[in-house]
Amino acid sequence: MKIRVRYFASLREALGAGETIEAADGSTVAHVRDTLIARGGAHAQALARSRAVRTALDQTLCDESHLLHDNAELAFFPPVTGG
């Protein structure tokens, strides 16, 4: 299934505005984060498990146990963002 991943604030500065990725059926937010971390480089640093990162699924805050669906929008952002 296709997932639209968006990055905000400092994550956007490090990784760009976003991307579309393929995820297996039954994938969770945690699975996608781990897949992105496994890429290494900027993704591994920005999304590292040691960093606090908030998530939203289809513009609703969620935890990493949420299941994804085809064409979902998954957003990653730091816990405090300016505006």
Protein backbone atom coordinates (compact mmCIF):
# COMPACT_ATOMS: atom_id res chain seq x y z
CA MET A 1 0.00 0.00 0.00
CA LYS A 2 1.10 3.57 -0.61
CA ILE A 3 1.68 5.89 2.34
CA ARG A 4 2.23 9.64 2.02
CA VAL A 5 4.84 10.64 4.59
CA ARG A 6 5.14 14.30 5.59
CA TYR A 7 7.77 15.93 7.77
CA PHE A 8 7.39 19.15 9.74
CA ALA A 9 9.59 21.69 11.54
CA SER A 10 13.17 20.47 12.14
CA LEU A 11 12.38 17.12 10.50
CA ARG A 12 11.34 18.94 7.34
CA GLU A 13 14.63 20.84 7.38
CA ALA A 14 16.55 17.56 7.64
CA LEU A 15 14.46 15.34 5.33
CA GLY A 16 12.45 17.60 3.03
CA ALA A 17 8.71 18.10 2.82
CA GLY A 18 7.81 14.45 2.41
CA GLU A 19 7.69 11.40 0.20
CA THR A 20 5.51 8.50 -0.83
CA ILE A 21 6.56 5.04 0.28
CA GLU A 22 5.30 1.50 -0.07
CA ALA A 23 4.34 -0.38 3.10
CA ALA A 24 3.09 -3.92 3.61
CA ASP A 25 -0.53 -4.52 4.57
CA GLY A 26 -0.84 -4.53 8.36
CA SER A 27 2.02 -2.06 8.84
CA THR A 28 1.93 0.24 11.83
CA VAL A 29 3.32 3.73 12.32
CA ALA A 30 6.22 2.14 14.24
CA HIS A 31 7.02 -0.15 11.30
CA VAL A 32 7.23 2.79 8.90
CA ARG A 33 9.42 4.77 11.32
CA ASP A 34 11.76 1.79 11.71
CA THR A 35 11.89 1.33 7.93
CA LEU A 36 12.84 4.97 7.46
CA ILE A 37 15.48 4.76 10.22
CA ALA A 38 16.96 1.69 8.50
CA ARG A 39 17.76 3.85 5.46
CA GLY A 40 20.57 5.36 7.52
CA GLY A 41 21.94 8.86 7.03
CA ALA A 42 19.63 11.80 7.65
CA HIS A 43 16.59 9.55 8.20
CA ALA A 44 18.38 7.57 10.91
CA GLN A 45 19.45 10.74 12.69
CA ALA A 46 16.19 12.68 12.40
CA LEU A 47 13.88 9.79 13.34
CA ALA A 48 16.18 7.98 15.81
CA ARG A 49 14.42 6.17 18.63
CA SER A 50 16.36 8.31 21.11
CA ARG A 51 14.59 11.43 19.75
CA ALA A 52 11.11 12.49 20.72
CA VAL A 53 8.97 12.45 17.58
CA ARG A 54 5.20 12.91 17.42
CA THR A 55 3.01 11.30 14.77
CA ALA A 56 -0.32 12.03 13.14
CA LEU A 57 -2.31 9.73 10.89
CA ASP A 58 -4.63 11.53 8.48
CA GLN A 59 -4.16 14.75 10.49
CA THR A 60 -5.09 13.17 13.84
CA LEU A 61 -2.46 12.65 16.53
CA CYS A 62 -1.75 8.97 17.08
CA ASP A 63 0.72 6.67 18.75
CA GLU A 64 3.00 4.31 16.88
CA SER A 65 0.74 1.27 17.33
CA HIS A 66 -1.86 2.58 14.86
CA LEU A 67 -2.40 0.51 11.73
CA LEU A 68 -1.94 2.24 8.40
CA HIS A 69 -4.23 2.01 5.39
CA ASP A 70 -3.70 2.56 1.69
CA ASN A 71 -3.26 6.24 0.79
CA ALA A 72 -2.83 7.22 4.43
CA GLU A 73 -1.06 10.46 5.27
CA LEU A 74 1.50 9.92 8.03
CA ALA A 75 3.15 12.99 9.54
CA PHE A 76 6.24 13.13 11.74
CA PHE A 77 7.10 16.23 13.77
CA PRO A 78 8.96 17.24 16.93
CA PRO A 79 6.88 17.54 20.11
CA VAL A 80 7.09 21.35 20.11
CA THR A 81 6.76 23.31 16.91
CA GLY A 82 6.74 27.03 16.35
CA GLY A 83 4.24 28.81 14.26
